[in-house]
C-alpha atoms as a PDB file:
ATOM      1  CA  MET A   1      11.294  36.183   7.901  1.00  0.00           C
ATOM      2  CA  ALA A   2      11.821  35.523  11.593  1.00  0.00           C
ATOM      3  CA  SER A   3       8.751  33.277  11.769  1.00  0.00           C
ATOM      4  CA  LEU A   4       9.851  31.446   8.617  1.00  0.00           C
ATOM      5  CA  ASP A   5      13.353  30.851   9.980  1.00  0.00           C
ATOM      6  CA  ARG A   6      11.919  29.699  13.298  1.00  0.00           C
ATOM      7  CA  THR A   7       9.619  27.185  11.576  1.00  0.00           C
ATOM      8  CA  ILE A   8      12.389  25.846   9.340  1.00  0.00           C
ATOM      9  CA  ARG A   9      14.683  25.413  12.352  1.00  0.00           C
ATOM     10  CA  PHE A  10      11.893  23.606  14.177  1.00  0.00           C
ATOM     11  CA  PHE A  11      11.614  21.051  11.362  1.00  0.00           C
ATOM     12  CA  GLU A  12      15.390  20.726  11.028  1.00  0.00           C
ATOM     13  CA  ASP A  13      15.685  20.087  14.770  1.00  0.00           C
ATOM     14  CA  ARG A  14      13.286  17.194  14.255  1.00  0.00           C
ATOM     15  CA  GLY A  15      15.562  15.684  11.605  1.00  0.00           C
ATOM     16  CA  ILE A  16      13.699  16.937   8.529  1.00  0.00           C
ATOM     17  CA  ASP A  17      16.172  18.212   5.931  1.00  0.00           C
ATOM     18  CA  LYS A  18      16.074  21.894   5.030  1.00  0.00           C
ATOM     19  CA  THR A  19      14.932  21.345   1.434  1.00  0.00           C
ATOM     20  CA  SER A  20      11.931  19.306   2.573  1.00  0.00           C
ATOM     21  CA  ALA A  21      11.158  21.812   5.311  1.00  0.00           C
ATOM     22  CA  LEU A  22      11.208  24.705   2.837  1.00  0.00           C
ATOM     23  CA  ARG A  23       8.953  22.791   0.464  1.00  0.00           C
ATOM     24  CA  VAL A  24       6.430  22.069   3.202  1.00  0.00           C
ATOM     25  CA  VAL A  25       6.340  25.660   4.418  1.00  0.00           C
ATOM     26  CA  ALA A  26       6.045  26.982   0.853  1.00  0.00           C
ATOM     27  CA  CYS A  27       2.930  24.847   0.356  1.00  0.00           C
ATOM     28  CA  HIS A  28       1.538  25.512   3.844  1.00  0.00           C
ATOM     29  CA  VAL A  29       2.427  29.099   4.725  1.00  0.00           C
ATOM     30  CA  SER A  30       0.091  29.005   7.721  1.00  0.00           C
ATOM     31  CA  LEU A  31       2.721  26.899   9.515  1.00  0.00           C
ATOM     32  CA  THR A  32       4.733  30.063  10.112  1.00  0.00           C
ATOM     33  CA  HIS A  33       1.871  31.390  12.233  1.00  0.00           C
ATOM     34  CA  TYR A  34       1.880  28.390  14.592  1.00  0.00           C
ATOM     35  CA  SER A  35       3.723  28.926  17.844  1.00  0.00           C
ATOM     36  CA  LEU A  36       6.437  26.459  18.780  1.00  0.00           C
ATOM     37  CA  ASP A  37       4.336  25.446  21.764  1.00  0.00           C
ATOM     38  CA  THR A  38       1.357  24.672  19.503  1.00  0.00           C
ATOM     39  CA  MET A  39       3.472  22.432  17.286  1.00  0.00           C
ATOM     40  CA  GLU A  40       5.288  20.763  20.176  1.00  0.00           C
ATOM     41  CA  THR A  41       2.048  19.895  21.963  1.00  0.00           C
ATOM     42  CA  LYS A  42       0.632  18.279  18.803  1.00  0.00           C
ATOM     43  CA  ILE A  43       3.810  16.259  18.406  1.00  0.00           C
ATOM     44  CA  ALA A  44       3.505  15.187  22.040  1.00  0.00           C
ATOM     45  CA  TRP A  45      -0.093  14.094  21.349  1.00  0.00           C
ATOM     46  CA  LEU A  46       0.998  11.994  18.355  1.00  0.00           C
ATOM     47  CA  SER A  47       3.825  10.507  20.397  1.00  0.00           C
ATOM     48  CA  GLU A  48       1.437   9.583  23.197  1.00  0.00           C
ATOM     49  CA  LEU A  49      -0.814   7.980  20.595  1.00  0.00           C
ATOM     50  CA  GLY A  50       2.087   5.673  19.753  1.00  0.00           C
ATOM     51  CA  LEU A  51       3.875   7.176  16.747  1.00  0.00           C
ATOM     52  CA  SER A  52       7.679   7.091  16.713  1.00  0.00           C
ATOM     53  CA  ASP A  53       9.640  10.263  15.946  1.00  0.00           C
ATOM     54  CA  ASP A  54      10.272   9.062  12.381  1.00  0.00           C
ATOM     55  CA  LYS A  55       6.578   8.287  11.845  1.00  0.00           C
ATOM     56  CA  ILE A  56       5.621  11.674  13.266  1.00  0.00           C
ATOM     57  CA  ASN A  57       7.910  13.328  10.721  1.00  0.00           C
ATOM     58  CA  VAL A  58       6.282  11.342   7.914  1.00  0.00           C
ATOM     59  CA  THR A  59       2.849  12.321   9.227  1.00  0.00           C
ATOM     60  CA  ILE A  60       3.857  15.991   9.278  1.00  0.00           C
ATOM     61  CA  MET A  61       5.177  15.804   5.719  1.00  0.00           C
ATOM     62  CA  ARG A  62       1.932  14.221   4.544  1.00  0.00           C
ATOM     63  CA  HIS A  63      -0.321  16.726   6.265  1.00  0.00           C
ATOM     64  CA  PRO A  64       1.572  19.621   7.911  1.00  0.00           C
ATOM     65  CA  ASN A  65      -1.650  21.276   9.041  1.00  0.00           C
ATOM     66  CA  ILE A  66      -2.095  18.533  11.625  1.00  0.00           C
ATOM     67  CA  LEU A  67       0.236  20.627  13.806  1.00  0.00           C
ATOM     68  CA  GLY A  68      -2.415  23.324  14.017  1.00  0.00           C
ATOM     69  CA  ILE A  69      -5.514  21.192  14.542  1.00  0.00           C
ATOM     70  CA  SER A  70      -7.228  21.527  17.914  1.00  0.00           C
ATOM     71  CA  PHE A  71      -7.023  18.769  20.504  1.00  0.00           C
ATOM     72  CA  ASP A  72     -10.813  18.540  20.454  1.00  0.00           C
ATOM     73  CA  LYS A  73     -10.684  17.694  16.748  1.00  0.00           C
ATOM     74  CA  LEU A  74      -7.817  15.223  17.132  1.00  0.00           C
ATOM     75  CA  ASN A  75      -9.560  13.440  19.983  1.00  0.00           C
ATOM     76  CA  ALA A  76     -12.858  13.436  18.087  1.00  0.00           C
ATOM     77  CA  ILE A  77     -11.245  11.683  15.108  1.00  0.00           C
ATOM     78  CA  LYS A  78      -9.544   9.219  17.432  1.00  0.00           C
ATOM     79  CA  GLU A  79     -12.871   8.387  19.085  1.00  0.00           C
ATOM     80  CA  TRP A  80     -14.561   8.127  15.680  1.00  0.00           C
ATOM     81  CA  TYR A  81     -12.070   5.470  14.596  1.00  0.00           C
ATOM     82  CA  ILE A  82     -12.583   3.553  17.839  1.00  0.00           C
ATOM     83  CA  LYS A  83     -16.365   3.843  17.494  1.00  0.00           C
ATOM     84  CA  HIS A  84     -16.122   2.168  14.104  1.00  0.00           C
ATOM     85  CA  GLY A  85     -14.039  -0.724  15.353  1.00  0.00           C
ATOM     86  CA  VAL A  86     -10.451   0.397  14.760  1.00  0.00           C
ATOM     87  CA  SER A  87      -8.357  -1.057  17.586  1.00  0.00           C
ATOM     88  CA  GLU A  88      -6.248   1.287  19.693  1.00  0.00           C
ATOM     89  CA  LYS A  89      -3.066  -0.456  18.556  1.00  0.00           C
ATOM     90  CA  LYS A  90      -3.951   0.457  14.944  1.00  0.00           C
ATOM     91  CA  LEU A  91      -4.462   4.148  15.717  1.00  0.00           C
ATOM     92  CA  PRO A  92      -0.796   5.117  15.169  1.00  0.00           C
ATOM     93  CA  TYR A  93      -0.969   3.518  11.723  1.00  0.00           C
ATOM     94  CA  VAL A  94      -4.219   5.168  10.612  1.00  0.00           C
ATOM     95  CA  PHE A  95      -3.075   8.600  11.781  1.00  0.00           C
ATOM     96  CA  ASN A  96       0.246   8.110   9.999  1.00  0.00           C
ATOM     97  CA  VAL A  97      -1.153   7.023   6.623  1.00  0.00           C
ATOM     98  CA  PHE A  98      -4.230   9.263   6.668  1.00  0.00           C
ATOM     99  CA  PRO A  99      -3.550  12.339   8.817  1.00  0.00           C
ATOM    100  CA  GLN A 100      -5.909  14.295   6.544  1.00  0.00           C
ATOM    101  CA  ALA A 101      -8.796  12.705   8.448  1.00  0.00           C
ATOM    102  CA  ALA A 102      -8.070  15.120  11.275  1.00  0.00           C
ATOM    103  CA  SER A 103      -8.995  18.001   8.952  1.00  0.00           C
ATOM    104  CA  SER A 104     -12.139  16.312   7.663  1.00  0.00           C
ATOM    105  CA  SER A 105     -15.646  16.875   8.927  1.00  0.00           C
ATOM    106  CA  ILE A 106     -16.893  13.722  10.601  1.00  0.00           C
ATOM    107  CA  GLU A 107     -20.565  14.404   9.908  1.00  0.00           C
ATOM    108  CA  ALA A 108     -20.232  15.930   6.441  1.00  0.00           C
ATOM    109  CA  ASN A 109     -17.353  13.885   5.036  1.00  0.00           C
ATOM    110  CA  LEU A 110     -16.419  10.698   6.886  1.00  0.00           C
ATOM    111  CA  GLU A 111     -19.697   9.416   8.292  1.00  0.00           C
ATOM    112  CA  PRO A 112     -21.546   9.465   4.929  1.00  0.00           C
ATOM    113  CA  LYS A 113     -18.900   7.094   3.538  1.00  0.00           C
ATOM    114  CA  VAL A 114     -19.420   4.652   6.381  1.00  0.00           C
ATOM    115  CA  LYS A 115     -23.160   4.800   5.697  1.00  0.00           C
ATOM    116  CA  LEU A 116     -22.490   4.144   2.008  1.00  0.00           C
ATOM    117  CA  LEU A 117     -20.512   0.997   2.795  1.00  0.00           C
ATOM    118  CA  LYS A 118     -23.218  -0.265   5.133  1.00  0.00           C
ATOM    119  CA  LYS A 119     -25.865   0.459   2.498  1.00  0.00           C
ATOM    120  CA  ASN A 120     -23.906  -1.850   0.212  1.00  0.00           C
ATOM    121  CA  GLY A 121     -23.967  -4.687   2.719  1.00  0.00           C
ATOM    122  CA  PHE A 122     -20.807  -4.107   4.738  1.00  0.00           C
ATOM    123  CA  SER A 123     -20.910  -5.382   8.306  1.00  0.00           C
ATOM    124  CA  ASP A 124     -19.459  -3.389  11.202  1.00  0.00           C
ATOM    125  CA  SER A 125     -16.379  -5.633  11.219  1.00  0.00           C
ATOM    126  CA  GLN A 126     -15.863  -5.155   7.472  1.00  0.00           C
ATOM    127  CA  VAL A 127     -16.054  -1.370   7.849  1.00  0.00           C
ATOM    128  CA  ALA A 128     -13.547  -1.618  10.707  1.00  0.00           C
ATOM    129  CA  ARG A 129     -11.213  -3.722   8.569  1.00  0.00           C
ATOM    130  CA  ALA A 130     -11.397  -1.254   5.675  1.00  0.00           C
ATOM    131  CA  LEU A 131     -10.653   1.672   7.997  1.00  0.00           C
ATOM    132  CA  SER A 132      -7.813  -0.212   9.673  1.00  0.00           C
ATOM    133  CA  LEU A 133      -6.157  -1.272   6.409  1.00  0.00           C
ATOM    134  CA  THR A 134      -6.615   1.684   4.075  1.00  0.00           C
ATOM    135  CA  PRO A 135      -8.248   4.672   5.783  1.00  0.00           C
ATOM    136  CA  GLN A 136      -6.995   6.962   2.999  1.00  0.00           C
ATOM    137  CA  VAL A 137      -9.649   5.520   0.688  1.00  0.00           C
ATOM    138  CA  PHE A 138     -11.981   7.891   2.554  1.00  0.00           C
ATOM    139  CA  THR A 139     -10.378  10.799   0.694  1.00  0.00           C
ATOM    140  CA  HIS A 140     -12.540   9.803  -2.273  1.00  0.00           C
ATOM    141  CA  SER A 141     -16.062  11.077  -2.726  1.00  0.00           C
ATOM    142  CA  VAL A 142     -19.178   9.074  -1.977  1.00  0.00           C
ATOM    143  CA  ASP A 143     -19.902   9.036  -5.715  1.00  0.00           C
ATOM    144  CA  LYS A 144     -16.447   7.619  -6.488  1.00  0.00           C
ATOM    145  CA  LEU A 145     -16.788   4.871  -3.897  1.00  0.00           C
ATOM    146  CA  GLN A 146     -20.246   3.896  -5.141  1.00  0.00           C
ATOM    147  CA  SER A 147     -19.096   4.027  -8.764  1.00  0.00           C
ATOM    148  CA  ASN A 148     -16.303   1.540  -8.097  1.00  0.00           C
ATOM    149  CA  ILE A 149     -18.595  -0.753  -6.130  1.00  0.00           C
ATOM    150  CA  ASP A 150     -21.010  -0.738  -9.074  1.00  0.00           C
ATOM    151  CA  TYR A 151     -18.150  -1.305 -11.520  1.00  0.00           C
ATOM    152  CA  LEU A 152     -16.939  -4.389  -9.639  1.00  0.00           C
ATOM    153  CA  ALA A 153     -20.488  -5.728  -9.710  1.00  0.00           C
ATOM    154  CA  ASP A 154     -20.694  -5.006 -13.444  1.00  0.00           C
ATOM    155  CA  VAL A 155     -17.563  -7.073 -14.177  1.00  0.00           C
ATOM    156  CA  GLY A 156     -19.175 -10.016 -12.424  1.00  0.00           C
ATOM    157  CA  VAL A 157     -18.362  -9.853  -8.727  1.00  0.00           C
ATOM    158  CA  PRO A 158     -21.536 -10.997  -6.920  1.00  0.00           C
ATOM    159  CA  ARG A 159     -23.018  -8.192  -4.816  1.00  0.00           C
ATOM    160  CA  GLU A 160     -22.963 -10.420  -1.747  1.00  0.00           C
ATOM    161  CA  GLU A 161     -19.218 -11.013  -2.255  1.00  0.00           C
ATOM    162  CA  LEU A 162     -18.308  -7.339  -2.623  1.00  0.00           C
ATOM    163  CA  PRO A 163     -18.136  -6.454   1.105  1.00  0.00           C
ATOM    164  CA  ARG A 164     -15.765  -9.355   1.805  1.00  0.00           C
ATOM    165  CA  MET A 165     -13.559  -8.520  -1.173  1.00  0.00           C
ATOM    166  CA  VAL A 166     -13.425  -4.779  -0.546  1.00  0.00           C
ATOM    167  CA  ALA A 167     -12.739  -5.288   3.164  1.00  0.00           C
ATOM    168  CA  MET A 168      -9.666  -7.308   2.155  1.00  0.00           C
ATOM    169  CA  MET A 169      -8.510  -4.691  -0.362  1.00  0.00           C
ATOM    170  CA  PRO A 170     -10.171  -1.319   0.328  1.00  0.00           C
ATOM    171  CA  GLN A 171      -7.826   0.510  -2.052  1.00  0.00           C
ATOM    172  CA  CYS A 172      -9.776  -0.912  -5.003  1.00  0.00           C
ATOM    173  CA  LEU A 173     -12.499   1.636  -4.213  1.00  0.00           C
ATOM    174  CA  GLY A 174     -10.100   4.457  -4.992  1.00  0.00           C
ATOM    175  CA  MET A 175      -8.506   2.962  -8.097  1.00  0.00           C
ATOM    176  CA  LYS A 176      -9.243   4.033 -11.642  1.00  0.00           C
ATOM    177  CA  GLN A 177     -11.634   1.608 -13.264  1.00  0.00           C
ATOM    178  CA  GLU A 178      -9.421   1.543 -16.354  1.00  0.00           C
ATOM    179  CA  ARG A 179      -6.568   0.281 -14.175  1.00  0.00           C
ATOM    180  CA  ILE A 180      -8.661  -2.540 -12.748  1.00  0.00           C
ATOM    181  CA  GLN A 181      -9.908  -3.451 -16.226  1.00  0.00           C
ATOM    182  CA  ALA A 182      -6.332  -3.560 -17.548  1.00  0.00           C
ATOM    183  CA  THR A 183      -5.471  -6.149 -14.893  1.00  0.00           C
ATOM    184  CA  LEU A 184      -8.528  -8.214 -15.800  1.00  0.00           C
ATOM    185  CA  ASN A 185      -7.568  -8.055 -19.478  1.00  0.00           C
ATOM    186  CA  ALA A 186      -4.041  -9.196 -18.631  1.00  0.00           C
ATOM    187  CA  ALA A 187      -5.435 -12.117 -16.625  1.00  0.00           C
ATOM    188  CA  ASP A 188      -7.489 -13.225 -19.639  1.00  0.00           C
ATOM    189  CA  GLU A 189      -4.371 -12.989 -21.821  1.00  0.00           C
ATOM    190  CA  MET A 190      -2.249 -15.068 -19.446  1.00  0.00           C
ATOM    191  CA  PHE A 191      -4.704 -17.674 -18.230  1.00  0.00           C
ATOM    192  CA  GLY A 192      -7.216 -17.854 -21.046  1.00  0.00           C
ATOM    193  CA  PRO A 193     -10.465 -16.141 -22.050  1.00  0.00           C
ATOM    194  CA  GLU A 194     -12.999 -15.462 -19.304  1.00  0.00           C
ATOM    195  CA  THR A 195     -10.660 -16.419 -16.461  1.00  0.00           C
ATOM    196  CA  ALA A 196     -10.286 -12.882 -15.104  1.00  0.00           C
ATOM    197  CA  LEU A 197     -13.289 -12.954 -12.770  1.00  0.00           C
ATOM    198  CA  GLU A 198     -12.169 -16.223 -11.201  1.00  0.00           C
ATOM    199  CA  VAL A 199      -8.691 -14.751 -10.706  1.00  0.00           C
ATOM    200  CA  LEU A 200     -10.125 -11.593  -9.129  1.00  0.00           C
ATOM    201  CA  LEU A 201     -12.326 -13.547  -6.727  1.00  0.00           C
ATOM    202  CA  SER A 202      -9.475 -15.829  -5.654  1.00  0.00           C
ATOM    203  CA  ASN A 203      -6.907 -13.032  -5.225  1.00  0.00           C
ATOM    204  CA  CYS A 204      -8.480  -9.582  -5.266  1.00  0.00           C
ATOM    205  CA  ARG A 205      -5.163  -7.940  -4.372  1.00  0.00           C
ATOM    206  CA  ILE A 206      -3.850  -8.786  -7.822  1.00  0.00           C
ATOM    207  CA  VAL A 207      -5.232  -5.499  -9.192  1.00  0.00           C
ATOM    208  CA  THR A 208      -2.721  -3.561  -7.084  1.00  0.00           C
ATOM    209  CA  TYR A 209       0.360  -5.125  -8.701  1.00  0.00           C
ATOM    210  CA  ASN A 210       2.295  -3.871 -11.708  1.00  0.00           C
ATOM    211  CA  ILE A 211       0.745  -5.436 -14.796  1.00  0.00           C
ATOM    212  CA  ASN A 212       3.919  -5.614 -16.870  1.00  0.00           C
ATOM    213  CA  GLY A 213       5.756  -7.077 -13.901  1.00  0.00           C
ATOM    214  CA  MET A 214       3.134  -9.826 -13.604  1.00  0.00           C
ATOM    215  CA  ARG A 215       3.374 -10.558 -17.324  1.00  0.00           C
ATOM    216  CA  ARG A 216       7.157 -10.909 -17.031  1.00  0.00           C
ATOM    217  CA  ALA A 217       6.821 -13.188 -13.997  1.00  0.00           C
ATOM    218  CA  PHE A 218       4.214 -15.314 -15.771  1.00  0.00           C
ATOM    219  CA  LYS A 219       6.403 -15.675 -18.859  1.00  0.00           C
ATOM    220  CA  TYR A 220       9.471 -16.545 -16.795  1.00  0.00           C
ATOM    221  CA  LEU A 221       7.691 -19.129 -14.648  1.00  0.00           C
ATOM    222  CA  VAL A 222       6.194 -20.754 -17.747  1.00  0.00           C
ATOM    223  CA  SER A 223       9.720 -20.930 -19.207  1.00  0.00           C
ATOM    224  CA  LEU A 224      10.765 -22.864 -16.083  1.00  0.00           C
ATOM    225  CA  GLY A 225       7.999 -25.384 -16.692  1.00  0.00           C
ATOM    226  CA  PHE A 226       5.019 -24.057 -14.741  1.00  0.00           C
ATOM    227  CA  ALA A 227       1.692 -24.679 -16.464  1.00  0.00           C
ATOM    228  CA  PRO A 228      -0.539 -21.603 -16.882  1.00  0.00           C
ATOM    229  CA  GLU A 229      -3.340 -23.506 -15.134  1.00  0.00           C
ATOM    230  CA  ARG A 230      -1.134 -23.983 -12.098  1.00  0.00           C
ATOM    231  CA  LEU A 231      -0.207 -20.309 -12.033  1.00  0.00           C
ATOM    232  CA  GLN A 232      -3.875 -19.384 -12.265  1.00  0.00           C
ATOM    233  CA  MET A 233      -4.465 -21.370  -9.077  1.00  0.00           C
ATOM    234  CA  ASN A 234      -1.514 -19.614  -7.398  1.00  0.00           C
ATOM    235  CA  THR A 235      -1.590 -16.075  -8.766  1.00  0.00           C
ATOM    236  CA  ARG A 236       0.609 -14.799  -5.937  1.00  0.00           C
ATOM    237  CA  TYR A 237       3.545 -16.379  -7.784  1.00  0.00           C
ATOM    238  CA  ILE A 238       3.271 -13.917 -10.652  1.00  0.00           C
ATOM    239  CA  THR A 239       3.373 -10.952  -8.278  1.00  0.00           C
ATOM    240  CA  ARG A 240       7.038 -11.672  -7.509  1.00  0.00           C
ATOM    241  CA  SER A 241       9.804  -9.709  -9.228  1.00  0.00           C
ATOM    242  CA  VAL A 242      11.647 -11.584 -11.973  1.00  0.00           C
ATOM    243  CA  ASN A 243      14.965  -9.788 -11.555  1.00  0.00           C
ATOM    244  CA  GLY A 244      14.759  -9.385  -7.799  1.00  0.00           C
ATOM    245  CA  ILE A 245      13.489 -12.827  -6.795  1.00  0.00           C
ATOM    246  CA  LEU A 246      12.452 -15.359  -9.420  1.00  0.00           C
ATOM    247  CA  ARG A 247      15.480 -15.454 -11.727  1.00  0.00           C
ATOM    248  CA  PRO A 248      18.304 -15.322  -9.147  1.00  0.00           C
ATOM    249  CA  ARG A 249      16.618 -17.777  -6.787  1.00  0.00           C
ATOM    250  CA  SER A 250      15.667 -20.252  -9.504  1.00  0.00           C
ATOM    251  CA  LYS A 251      19.151 -20.187 -11.056  1.00  0.00           C
ATOM    252  CA  PHE A 252      20.725 -20.695  -7.637  1.00  0.00           C
ATOM    253  CA  LEU A 253      18.433 -23.614  -6.800  1.00  0.00           C
ATOM    254  CA  ILE A 254      18.799 -25.274 -10.193  1.00  0.00           C
ATOM    255  CA  ALA A 255      22.582 -25.168  -9.713  1.00  0.00           C
ATOM    256  CA  GLN A 256      21.987 -26.952  -6.390  1.00  0.00           C
ATOM    257  CA  GLY A 257      20.009 -29.665  -8.163  1.00  0.00           C
ATOM    258  CA  VAL A 258      16.622 -28.528  -6.845  1.00  0.00           C
ATOM    259  CA  ASP A 259      13.538 -29.100  -8.996  1.00  0.00           C
ATOM    260  CA  VAL A 260      12.112 -25.571  -8.888  1.00  0.00           C
ATOM    261  CA  VAL A 261       8.800 -26.635 -10.422  1.00  0.00           C
ATOM    262  CA  MET A 262       8.079 -29.435  -7.973  1.00  0.00           C
ATOM    263  CA  THR A 263       9.396 -27.492  -4.952  1.00  0.00           C
ATOM    264  CA  VAL A 264       7.720 -24.094  -4.988  1.00  0.00           C
ATOM    265  CA  ASN A 265       8.164 -22.636  -1.492  1.00  0.00           C
ATOM    266  CA  TRP A 266      11.197 -20.708  -2.803  1.00  0.00           C
ATOM    267  CA  ILE A 267       8.885 -18.327  -4.648  1.00  0.00           C
ATOM    268  CA  MET A 268       7.076 -16.759  -1.707  1.00  0.00           C
ATOM    269  CA  LEU A 269       9.664 -17.101   1.072  1.00  0.00           C
ATOM    270  CA  PRO A 270      10.756 -13.731   2.495  1.00  0.00           C
ATOM    271  CA  GLU A 271      14.399 -12.957   1.700  1.00  0.00           C
ATOM    272  CA  LYS A 272      15.497 -13.433   5.317  1.00  0.00           C
ATOM    273  CA  HIS A 273      13.937 -16.884   5.539  1.00  0.00           C
ATOM    274  CA  PHE A 274      15.273 -17.918   2.142  1.00  0.00           C
ATOM    275  CA  ILE A 275      18.822 -17.028   3.223  1.00  0.00           C
ATOM    276  CA  GLU A 276      18.347 -18.875   6.521  1.00  0.00           C
ATOM    277  CA  ARG A 277      17.453 -21.968   4.522  1.00  0.00           C
ATOM    278  CA  TYR A 278      20.161 -21.420   1.898  1.00  0.00           C
ATOM    279  CA  PRO A 279      23.074 -19.504   3.524  1.00  0.00           C
ATOM    280  CA  ASP A 280      25.198 -19.691   0.346  1.00  0.00           C
ATOM    281  CA  TYR A 281      22.605 -17.599  -1.468  1.00  0.00           C
ATOM    282  CA  THR A 282      23.959 -14.369   0.044  1.00  0.00           C
ATOM    283  CA  GLU A 283      27.264 -14.659  -1.812  1.00  0.00           C
ATOM    284  CA  TYR A 284      25.559 -15.987  -4.929  1.00  0.00           C
ATOM    285  CA  LEU A 285      23.209 -12.990  -4.987  1.00  0.00           C
ATOM    286  CA  ARG A 286      26.109 -10.572  -4.538  1.00  0.00           C
ATOM    287  CA  GLN A 287      27.904 -12.071  -7.531  1.00  0.00           C
ATOM    288  CA  TYR A 288      24.674 -12.235  -9.531  1.00  0.00           C
ATOM    289  CA  LYS A 289      23.978  -8.535  -8.988  1.00  0.00           C
ATOM    290  CA  ALA A 290      27.573  -7.671  -9.908  1.00  0.00           C
ATOM    291  CA  ARG A 291      27.194  -9.568 -13.192  1.00  0.00           C
ATOM    292  CA  GLN A 292      23.908  -7.794 -13.892  1.00  0.00           C
ATOM    293  CA  ARG A 293      25.518  -4.400 -13.315  1.00  0.00           C
ATOM    294  CA  LYS A 294      28.318  -5.277 -15.748  1.00  0.00           C
ATOM    295  CA  LYS A 295      25.785  -6.328 -18.374  1.00  0.00           C
ATOM    296  CA  LEU A 296      23.841  -3.099 -17.985  1.00  0.00           C
ATOM    297  CA  ALA A 297      27.043  -1.055 -18.177  1.00  0.00           C
ATOM    298  CA  ALA A 298      28.078  -2.873 -21.360  1.00  0.00           C
ATOM    299  CA  ILE A 299      24.660  -2.252 -22.925  1.00  0.00           C
ATOM    300  CA  ALA A 300      24.811   1.436 -21.995  1.00  0.00           C
ATOM    301  CA  ALA A 301      28.300   1.763 -23.475  1.00  0.00           C
ATOM    302  CA  ALA A 302      27.412  -0.006 -26.732  1.00  0.00           C
END
């Protein structure tokens, strides 16, 4: 019990709430066997790498065992990333999102996946980009990665285009094929038969967005006067939230006399920049959200 209490206090002192600390220790009992010095020195290593205290806490929650991994192993993984083109300024990010790499065998687990990508035509820079963007895709097996590469080729992506596309969106290699296919089916429904491949090639990230959300955005933008053909050429528009962005912004602009179909920069502007351009939108949005809450409350009470 003393070692358990000591470990829980250690996490609490770092700002991790007691419930989360108990959950982590329950799933990783070996933490109670780590000395405070062992854990502190690993935290110091992560801090020196460039992670903030908050990011270190997130890293610990994702992979608590990183606190017990040897410095030789941590440094070996760091050097492996650098060897494969990951810049030093990206190291805090890759360790934060994929701390499990530190527990993986380089020769038996990680290196074979790099070789697989290169076998499929990936250049060194494309491998580096994939590792820098989504290193956690390397949690998947070699067979899974190859299966998804083959699947993308089967749906029509030219083999020579695959390295470029995957390097831009490595997470597609870890996605369920049924999920990718559902997005392609939705694209055909919205833009017309046999348009899905063209959509995928022009904006491969589209498969990561919520399908129903894209359908709602498509329907709403069409109701404003956007032609489906135009939306097909600008598929990023349908990745925006209807309730969070499209409806309140369009209603605000229409009230200002703006032609929201001819002037389209309102769709993709970050919220901060939109408010800088239209300062009155802050108050409008507050009132809009208040009205929405009242509507939802009335529906719930009915």
